Amino acid sequence: HVQLVESGGGSVQAGGSLGLSCTASGYTYSYCMGWFRQAPGKEREGVARIWSSGGSPSIADSVKGRFTISQDNAKKTLYLQMNSLKPEDTAMYYCAAGTRCTWEPRWYNYWGQGTQVTVS
C-alpha cells in the first residue's frame, strides 16, 4: 500500500515561485509519479509526471517552461518547482502514483490529500 503526503503549498503573488514536495511510504519504484491540480468547478488535470524508476519527465503544455518535476528516490520524495506563477495556476495540487504514465487521473491508484496553491 502506498501513502502520499504533499507539502509546500501556500499563497504567492503572480510571478512568484513555490516548491511542492510529496513524500511516499510503501513501494513506489514501479509506479508513475504525477502532479495533478484541480481548481473549483474544473476537472482534475495533470501538470507533470515521471516514472519513479527514472526516465524523462513530461510537463503539460499549460505549465511548460515554468514547472519542473524531479525526484529523490533515496528520500522517496517527489518535487514540483513552480516558477512564474499565474493566477490561473491557483488550484489544489495533488501527488499521485499510478501504473500508467498518462494525464488521465483514472490510471493513478494512490493520491495524496492535496495542498492548496493560491496565486494573486
N, C-alpha and C. Protein backbone atom coordinates (compact mmCIF):
# COMPACT_ATOMS: atom_id res chain seq x y z
N HIS A 1 0.85 -1.19 0.00
CA HIS A 1 0.00 0.00 0.00
C HIS A 1 0.89 1.24 0.00
N VAL A 2 0.50 2.23 -0.78
CA VAL A 2 1.28 3.45 -0.91
C VAL A 2 0.53 4.61 -0.27
N GLN A 3 1.24 5.39 0.52
CA GLN A 3 0.67 6.61 1.07
C GLN A 3 1.51 7.79 0.60
N LEU A 4 0.83 8.86 0.24
CA LEU A 4 1.48 10.05 -0.29
C LEU A 4 1.07 11.26 0.53
N VAL A 5 2.04 12.08 0.88
CA VAL A 5 1.76 13.28 1.68
C VAL A 5 2.43 14.47 1.02
N GLU A 6 1.61 15.43 0.60
CA GLU A 6 2.13 16.64 -0.03
C GLU A 6 2.40 17.73 1.01
N SER A 7 3.30 18.62 0.65
CA SER A 7 3.56 19.79 1.48
C SER A 7 4.11 20.89 0.58
N GLY A 8 4.07 22.12 1.10
CA GLY A 8 4.72 23.22 0.40
C GLY A 8 3.79 24.20 -0.27
N GLY A 9 2.49 23.97 -0.23
CA GLY A 9 1.58 24.92 -0.84
C GLY A 9 1.53 26.22 -0.05
N GLY A 10 0.81 27.17 -0.61
CA GLY A 10 0.66 28.45 0.07
C GLY A 10 0.16 29.50 -0.88
N SER A 11 0.31 30.75 -0.46
CA SER A 11 -0.13 31.89 -1.26
C SER A 11 1.08 32.66 -1.76
N VAL A 12 0.99 33.11 -2.99
CA VAL A 12 2.11 33.83 -3.60
C VAL A 12 1.56 34.82 -4.61
N GLN A 13 2.30 35.87 -4.84
CA GLN A 13 1.88 36.84 -5.86
C GLN A 13 2.26 36.34 -7.24
N ALA A 14 1.53 36.81 -8.22
CA ALA A 14 1.82 36.45 -9.60
C ALA A 14 3.28 36.77 -9.93
N GLY A 15 3.90 35.83 -10.63
CA GLY A 15 5.31 35.97 -10.96
C GLY A 15 6.24 35.31 -9.96
N GLY A 16 5.68 34.91 -8.83
CA GLY A 16 6.49 34.28 -7.79
C GLY A 16 6.69 32.79 -8.01
N SER A 17 7.32 32.16 -7.03
CA SER A 17 7.65 30.74 -7.11
C SER A 17 7.22 30.00 -5.85
N LEU A 18 6.92 28.73 -6.04
CA LEU A 18 6.64 27.83 -4.92
C LEU A 18 7.19 26.47 -5.26
N GLY A 19 7.57 25.73 -4.22
CA GLY A 19 8.00 24.36 -4.42
C GLY A 19 7.14 23.42 -3.61
N LEU A 20 6.67 22.38 -4.25
CA LEU A 20 5.87 21.37 -3.57
C LEU A 20 6.69 20.10 -3.40
N SER A 21 6.41 19.38 -2.32
CA SER A 21 7.05 18.09 -2.07
C SER A 21 5.97 17.04 -1.83
N CYS A 22 6.29 15.81 -2.18
CA CYS A 22 5.39 14.68 -1.95
C CYS A 22 6.24 13.53 -1.44
N THR A 23 6.01 13.15 -0.20
CA THR A 23 6.77 12.06 0.39
C THR A 23 5.93 10.80 0.39
N ALA A 24 6.53 9.72 -0.08
CA ALA A 24 5.81 8.45 -0.22
C ALA A 24 6.25 7.45 0.83
N SER A 25 5.31 6.63 1.23
CA SER A 25 5.64 5.46 2.05
C SER A 25 5.10 4.25 1.30
N GLY A 26 5.80 3.14 1.44
CA GLY A 26 5.43 1.96 0.68
C GLY A 26 6.24 1.88 -0.60
N TYR A 27 5.99 0.84 -1.37
CA TYR A 27 6.77 0.59 -2.59
C TYR A 27 6.23 1.41 -3.75
N THR A 28 7.08 2.28 -4.30
CA THR A 28 6.64 3.11 -5.42
C THR A 28 7.53 2.97 -6.65
N TYR A 29 8.53 2.11 -6.59
CA TYR A 29 9.56 2.10 -7.64
C TYR A 29 8.98 1.80 -9.02
N SER A 30 7.93 1.00 -9.11
CA SER A 30 7.40 0.65 -10.42
C SER A 30 6.23 1.54 -10.85
N TYR A 31 6.01 2.61 -10.13
CA TYR A 31 4.89 3.49 -10.43
C TYR A 31 5.32 4.73 -11.20
N CYS A 32 4.35 5.28 -11.90
CA CYS A 32 4.50 6.61 -12.47
C CYS A 32 4.03 7.60 -11.40
N MET A 33 4.86 8.60 -11.15
CA MET A 33 4.53 9.61 -10.14
C MET A 33 4.12 10.89 -10.86
N GLY A 34 2.98 11.42 -10.46
CA GLY A 34 2.47 12.59 -11.15
C GLY A 34 1.98 13.67 -10.21
N TRP A 35 1.99 14.89 -10.73
CA TRP A 35 1.37 16.03 -10.06
C TRP A 35 0.12 16.42 -10.86
N PHE A 36 -0.97 16.55 -10.17
CA PHE A 36 -2.23 16.98 -10.77
C PHE A 36 -2.72 18.21 -10.02
N ARG A 37 -3.64 18.93 -10.64
CA ARG A 37 -4.25 20.05 -9.94
C ARG A 37 -5.73 20.13 -10.29
N GLN A 38 -6.47 20.71 -9.39
CA GLN A 38 -7.90 20.87 -9.62
C GLN A 38 -8.36 22.19 -9.03
N ALA A 39 -8.88 23.03 -9.91
CA ALA A 39 -9.44 24.30 -9.49
C ALA A 39 -10.94 24.13 -9.28
N PRO A 40 -11.56 24.97 -8.47
CA PRO A 40 -13.00 24.84 -8.23
C PRO A 40 -13.80 24.88 -9.54
N GLY A 41 -14.68 23.90 -9.69
CA GLY A 41 -15.52 23.84 -10.87
C GLY A 41 -14.85 23.30 -12.11
N LYS A 42 -13.61 22.88 -11.97
CA LYS A 42 -12.88 22.35 -13.13
C LYS A 42 -12.46 20.91 -12.90
N GLU A 43 -12.15 20.22 -13.99
CA GLU A 43 -11.70 18.84 -13.89
C GLU A 43 -10.24 18.80 -13.41
N ARG A 44 -9.90 17.67 -12.82
CA ARG A 44 -8.52 17.48 -12.40
C ARG A 44 -7.65 17.33 -13.64
N GLU A 45 -6.54 18.04 -13.68
CA GLU A 45 -5.64 17.98 -14.82
C GLU A 45 -4.23 17.66 -14.36
N GLY A 46 -3.53 16.89 -15.20
CA GLY A 46 -2.15 16.56 -14.92
C GLY A 46 -1.24 17.71 -15.33
N VAL A 47 -0.23 17.97 -14.53
CA VAL A 47 0.72 19.03 -14.87
C VAL A 47 2.13 18.52 -15.09
N ALA A 48 2.49 17.40 -14.44
CA ALA A 48 3.83 16.85 -14.60
C ALA A 48 3.84 15.40 -14.15
N ARG A 49 4.67 14.61 -14.76
CA ARG A 49 4.76 13.20 -14.39
C ARG A 49 6.12 12.65 -14.71
N ILE A 50 6.48 11.57 -14.02
CA ILE A 50 7.78 10.92 -14.25
C ILE A 50 7.71 9.52 -13.68
N TRP A 51 8.34 8.55 -14.35
CA TRP A 51 8.42 7.21 -13.79
C TRP A 51 9.34 7.26 -12.58
N SER A 52 8.91 6.59 -11.51
CA SER A 52 9.73 6.54 -10.31
C SER A 52 11.08 5.88 -10.58
N SER A 53 11.12 4.96 -11.53
CA SER A 53 12.36 4.27 -11.86
C SER A 53 13.31 5.11 -12.71
N GLY A 54 12.86 6.27 -13.13
CA GLY A 54 13.71 7.17 -13.91
C GLY A 54 13.14 7.43 -15.29
N GLY A 55 13.88 8.15 -16.10
CA GLY A 55 13.41 8.48 -17.44
C GLY A 55 13.07 9.95 -17.54
N SER A 56 12.70 10.34 -18.74
CA SER A 56 12.41 11.74 -19.00
C SER A 56 11.05 12.13 -18.43
N PRO A 57 10.99 13.27 -17.80
CA PRO A 57 9.70 13.74 -17.28
C PRO A 57 8.84 14.30 -18.40
N SER A 58 7.56 14.39 -18.13
CA SER A 58 6.62 15.03 -19.05
C SER A 58 5.96 16.19 -18.34
N ILE A 59 5.88 17.32 -19.04
CA ILE A 59 5.29 18.53 -18.47
C ILE A 59 4.13 18.95 -19.36
N ALA A 60 3.02 19.28 -18.77
CA ALA A 60 1.85 19.71 -19.53
C ALA A 60 2.14 21.03 -20.24
N ASP A 61 1.54 21.20 -21.40
CA ASP A 61 1.76 22.41 -22.19
C ASP A 61 1.40 23.67 -21.41
N SER A 62 0.40 23.56 -20.56
CA SER A 62 -0.08 24.74 -19.83
C SER A 62 0.95 25.29 -18.84
N VAL A 63 1.92 24.46 -18.46
CA VAL A 63 2.91 24.90 -17.48
C VAL A 63 4.33 24.71 -17.97
N LYS A 64 4.48 24.29 -19.21
CA LYS A 64 5.81 24.03 -19.75
C LYS A 64 6.67 25.30 -19.73
N GLY A 65 7.91 25.11 -19.31
CA GLY A 65 8.81 26.25 -19.21
C GLY A 65 8.73 26.97 -17.87
N ARG A 66 7.70 26.63 -17.07
CA ARG A 66 7.55 27.26 -15.76
C ARG A 66 7.62 26.25 -14.62
N PHE A 67 7.15 25.02 -14.84
CA PHE A 67 7.12 23.99 -13.80
C PHE A 67 8.17 22.93 -14.12
N THR A 68 8.77 22.39 -13.06
CA THR A 68 9.75 21.33 -13.19
C THR A 68 9.44 20.24 -12.18
N ILE A 69 9.47 18.99 -12.63
CA ILE A 69 9.27 17.85 -11.74
C ILE A 69 10.61 17.15 -11.53
N SER A 70 10.84 16.71 -10.31
CA SER A 70 12.07 15.97 -10.01
C SER A 70 11.77 15.02 -8.86
N GLN A 71 12.73 14.12 -8.60
CA GLN A 71 12.51 13.17 -7.52
C GLN A 71 13.84 12.79 -6.88
N ASP A 72 13.75 12.41 -5.64
CA ASP A 72 14.89 11.90 -4.88
C ASP A 72 14.44 10.54 -4.37
N ASN A 73 14.84 9.48 -5.06
CA ASN A 73 14.37 8.14 -4.70
C ASN A 73 14.87 7.70 -3.34
N ALA A 74 16.05 8.15 -2.96
CA ALA A 74 16.58 7.78 -1.64
C ALA A 74 15.67 8.31 -0.53
N LYS A 75 15.09 9.48 -0.77
CA LYS A 75 14.18 10.07 0.20
C LYS A 75 12.73 9.75 -0.10
N LYS A 76 12.49 9.05 -1.22
CA LYS A 76 11.13 8.71 -1.66
C LYS A 76 10.27 9.98 -1.72
N THR A 77 10.86 10.99 -2.31
CA THR A 77 10.19 12.28 -2.37
C THR A 77 10.14 12.79 -3.80
N LEU A 78 8.98 13.27 -4.18
CA LEU A 78 8.73 13.87 -5.48
C LEU A 78 8.58 15.37 -5.29
N TYR A 79 9.11 16.13 -6.25
CA TYR A 79 9.08 17.58 -6.13
C TYR A 79 8.40 18.21 -7.34
N LEU A 80 7.81 19.37 -7.12
CA LEU A 80 7.31 20.20 -8.21
C LEU A 80 7.75 21.63 -7.93
N GLN A 81 8.63 22.13 -8.77
CA GLN A 81 9.07 23.51 -8.66
C GLN A 81 8.25 24.35 -9.62
N MET A 82 7.59 25.36 -9.09
CA MET A 82 6.70 26.19 -9.89
C MET A 82 7.22 27.62 -9.91
N ASN A 83 7.57 28.10 -11.08
CA ASN A 83 8.09 29.45 -11.25
C ASN A 83 7.13 30.26 -12.12
N SER A 84 7.30 31.56 -12.08
CA SER A 84 6.48 32.48 -12.90
C SER A 84 5.00 32.14 -12.75
N LEU A 85 4.56 32.00 -11.53
CA LEU A 85 3.19 31.58 -11.28
C LEU A 85 2.18 32.63 -11.73
N LYS A 86 1.05 32.13 -12.19
CA LYS A 86 -0.04 32.97 -12.70
C LYS A 86 -1.30 32.71 -11.87
N PRO A 87 -2.21 33.66 -11.85
CA PRO A 87 -3.47 33.43 -11.10
C PRO A 87 -4.19 32.16 -11.55
N GLU A 88 -4.07 31.82 -12.82
CA GLU A 88 -4.74 30.61 -13.32
C GLU A 88 -4.10 29.32 -12.83
N ASP A 89 -2.96 29.42 -12.15
CA ASP A 89 -2.34 28.24 -11.53
C ASP A 89 -2.96 27.94 -10.18
N THR A 90 -3.84 28.81 -9.70
CA THR A 90 -4.50 28.59 -8.42
C THR A 90 -5.34 27.32 -8.47
N ALA A 91 -5.06 26.41 -7.54
CA ALA A 91 -5.75 25.12 -7.51
C ALA A 91 -5.28 24.33 -6.30
N MET A 92 -5.95 23.22 -6.06
CA MET A 92 -5.45 22.22 -5.13
C MET A 92 -4.53 21.32 -5.94
N TYR A 93 -3.33 21.11 -5.45
CA TYR A 93 -2.35 20.28 -6.13
C TYR A 93 -2.22 18.94 -5.43
N TYR A 94 -2.26 17.87 -6.23
CA TYR A 94 -2.21 16.52 -5.72
C TYR A 94 -1.02 15.76 -6.29
N CYS A 95 -0.45 14.94 -5.46
CA CYS A 95 0.57 13.99 -5.88
C CYS A 95 -0.13 12.65 -6.07
N ALA A 96 0.28 11.87 -7.07
CA ALA A 96 -0.36 10.59 -7.33
C ALA A 96 0.64 9.56 -7.83
N ALA A 97 0.31 8.31 -7.59
CA ALA A 97 1.13 7.19 -8.07
C ALA A 97 0.24 6.26 -8.88
N GLY A 98 0.69 5.91 -10.07
CA GLY A 98 -0.14 5.10 -10.93
C GLY A 98 0.64 4.09 -11.75
N THR A 99 -0.10 3.23 -12.41
CA THR A 99 0.51 2.15 -13.18
C THR A 99 0.78 2.54 -14.63
N ARG A 100 0.19 3.64 -15.08
CA ARG A 100 0.45 4.15 -16.43
C ARG A 100 0.83 5.61 -16.34
N CYS A 101 1.78 5.99 -17.14
CA CYS A 101 2.22 7.38 -17.14
C CYS A 101 1.39 8.15 -18.17
N THR A 102 0.23 8.58 -17.75
CA THR A 102 -0.67 9.34 -18.62
C THR A 102 -1.16 10.59 -17.88
N TRP A 103 -1.94 11.40 -18.60
CA TRP A 103 -2.54 12.55 -17.97
C TRP A 103 -3.92 12.22 -17.39
N GLU A 104 -4.33 10.97 -17.56
CA GLU A 104 -5.67 10.59 -17.11
C GLU A 104 -5.65 10.15 -15.64
N PRO A 105 -6.35 10.87 -14.78
CA PRO A 105 -6.33 10.54 -13.34
C PRO A 105 -6.78 9.11 -13.04
N ARG A 106 -7.59 8.51 -13.90
CA ARG A 106 -8.14 7.19 -13.59
C ARG A 106 -7.08 6.10 -13.53
N TRP A 107 -5.89 6.37 -14.08
CA TRP A 107 -4.82 5.37 -14.07
C TRP A 107 -3.94 5.49 -12.83
N TYR A 108 -4.26 6.42 -11.97
CA TYR A 108 -3.46 6.61 -10.77
C TYR A 108 -4.21 6.02 -9.57
N ASN A 109 -3.53 5.09 -8.91
CA ASN A 109 -4.17 4.31 -7.86
C ASN A 109 -4.14 4.99 -6.50
N TYR A 110 -3.10 5.78 -6.29
CA TYR A 110 -2.91 6.37 -4.97
C TYR A 110 -2.79 7.89 -5.09
N TRP A 111 -3.40 8.57 -4.15
CA TRP A 111 -3.44 10.03 -4.15
C TRP A 111 -3.12 10.59 -2.77
N GLY A 112 -2.45 11.72 -2.77
CA GLY A 112 -2.25 12.44 -1.53
C GLY A 112 -3.50 13.25 -1.20
N GLN A 113 -3.43 13.96 -0.09
CA GLN A 113 -4.59 14.72 0.37
C GLN A 113 -4.70 16.08 -0.31
N GLY A 114 -3.63 16.49 -0.97
CA GLY A 114 -3.64 17.75 -1.68
C GLY A 114 -3.07 18.90 -0.87
N THR A 115 -2.54 19.87 -1.58
CA THR A 115 -2.04 21.08 -0.93
C THR A 115 -2.47 22.27 -1.79
N GLN A 116 -2.98 23.31 -1.15
CA GLN A 116 -3.55 24.44 -1.87
C GLN A 116 -2.46 25.41 -2.32
N VAL A 117 -2.57 25.83 -3.57
CA VAL A 117 -1.71 26.88 -4.12
C VAL A 117 -2.63 28.01 -4.58
N THR A 118 -2.36 29.21 -4.07
CA THR A 118 -3.17 30.38 -4.44
C THR A 118 -2.24 31.46 -4.97
N VAL A 119 -2.53 31.92 -6.18
CA VAL A 119 -1.72 32.94 -6.82
C VAL A 119 -2.60 34.17 -7.05
N SER A 120 -2.17 35.30 -6.51
CA SER A 120 -2.98 36.53 -6.65
C SER A 120 -2.22 37.63 -7.38
